[in-house]
Amino acid sequence: MYRFVNNNGIVPQPPPEPVRTPVRALRHLDSEGRLHESVPLLPALGDRARGLTADPFAPAADGVRDHLMRHYLAALEHNPA
């Protein structure tokens, strides 16, 4: 079982430990759609900022855009196993 987090998607953003139980197979999709097995804190914050500034006219919409299933599917199609 895998859990995917697409950059700034509003629903799957995991809360910090110890509030959540870590998922062993957590995968991150960055702002450019690249798949990562892990993302260190500082690079993750920079990537989230890039995602938020990708559309200067609707920065708050990034979380909703990233949560759309078609964006997950498109990113996964470009990252074959």
Protein backbone atom coordinates (compact mmCIF):
# COMPACT_ATOMS: atom_id res chain seq x y z
CA MET A 1 0.00 0.00 0.00
CA TYR A 2 1.28 3.47 -0.88
CA ARG A 3 0.24 6.91 0.22
CA PHE A 4 0.90 9.70 -2.26
CA VAL A 5 1.11 13.39 -1.43
CA ASN A 6 0.98 15.73 -4.42
CA ASN A 7 2.96 18.84 -3.49
CA ASN A 8 0.40 21.12 -1.78
CA GLY A 9 -2.69 18.91 -2.02
CA ILE A 10 -4.97 20.02 0.82
CA VAL A 11 -6.30 16.65 1.96
CA PRO A 12 -3.34 14.24 2.03
CA GLN A 13 -0.83 16.53 3.76
CA PRO A 14 0.30 14.43 6.68
CA PRO A 15 0.46 16.16 10.04
CA PRO A 16 3.85 16.05 11.73
CA GLU A 17 4.86 13.12 13.90
CA PRO A 18 3.94 12.09 16.63
CA VAL A 19 0.37 13.21 15.79
CA ARG A 20 0.24 10.81 12.85
CA THR A 21 1.40 7.26 12.49
CA PRO A 22 4.01 7.16 9.74
CA VAL A 23 3.12 5.28 6.60
CA ARG A 24 5.97 3.04 5.50
CA ALA A 25 5.33 3.69 1.80
CA LEU A 26 4.79 7.47 1.67
CA ARG A 27 5.64 8.99 -1.72
CA HIS A 28 5.83 12.68 -2.58
CA LEU A 29 5.11 14.33 -5.92
CA ASP A 30 6.97 17.62 -6.16
CA SER A 31 5.80 20.85 -7.83
CA GLU A 32 7.20 19.61 -11.16
CA GLY A 33 5.49 16.21 -10.88
CA ARG A 34 8.61 14.18 -10.01
CA LEU A 35 8.13 11.28 -7.63
CA HIS A 36 10.29 11.05 -4.47
CA GLU A 37 10.46 8.39 -1.79
CA SER A 38 11.40 10.97 0.81
CA VAL A 39 11.82 14.72 0.95
CA PRO A 40 13.93 16.41 3.64
CA LEU A 41 12.25 19.28 5.47
CA LEU A 42 14.01 22.30 3.90
CA PRO A 43 13.77 21.10 0.28
CA ALA A 44 10.11 20.19 0.93
CA LEU A 45 9.35 23.71 2.17
CA GLY A 46 11.07 25.24 -0.88
CA ASP A 47 9.13 22.96 -3.20
CA ARG A 48 5.84 23.81 -1.54
CA ALA A 49 6.65 27.52 -1.97
CA ARG A 50 7.37 26.92 -5.69
CA GLY A 51 3.99 25.23 -6.02
CA LEU A 52 2.23 28.11 -4.30
CA THR A 53 3.87 30.70 -6.55
CA ALA A 54 3.29 28.77 -9.79
CA ASP A 55 0.03 30.67 -10.38
CA PRO A 56 0.48 34.23 -9.06
CA PHE A 57 -3.20 35.02 -9.68
CA ALA A 58 -4.51 32.14 -7.57
CA PRO A 59 -1.89 30.97 -5.05
CA ALA A 60 -4.50 29.63 -2.62
CA ALA A 61 -5.92 27.38 -5.34
CA ASP A 62 -2.70 25.33 -5.49
CA GLY A 63 -3.87 23.01 -2.71
CA VAL A 64 -7.10 22.27 -4.55
CA ARG A 65 -5.36 21.89 -7.93
CA ASP A 66 -2.80 19.49 -6.48
CA HIS A 67 -5.56 17.39 -4.94
CA LEU A 68 -7.35 16.76 -8.26
CA MET A 69 -7.16 13.11 -9.27
CA ARG A 70 -6.16 13.98 -12.84
CA HIS A 71 -3.01 15.67 -11.50
CA TYR A 72 -2.09 12.58 -9.46
CA LEU A 73 -2.66 10.33 -12.46
CA ALA A 74 -0.69 12.56 -14.84
CA ALA A 75 2.26 12.68 -12.43
CA LEU A 76 2.21 8.93 -11.86
CA GLU A 77 2.07 8.26 -15.62
CA HIS A 78 5.25 10.32 -16.01
CA ASN A 79 7.01 8.42 -13.20
CA PRO A 80 6.97 4.74 -14.16
CA ALA A 81 8.13 2.32 -11.50
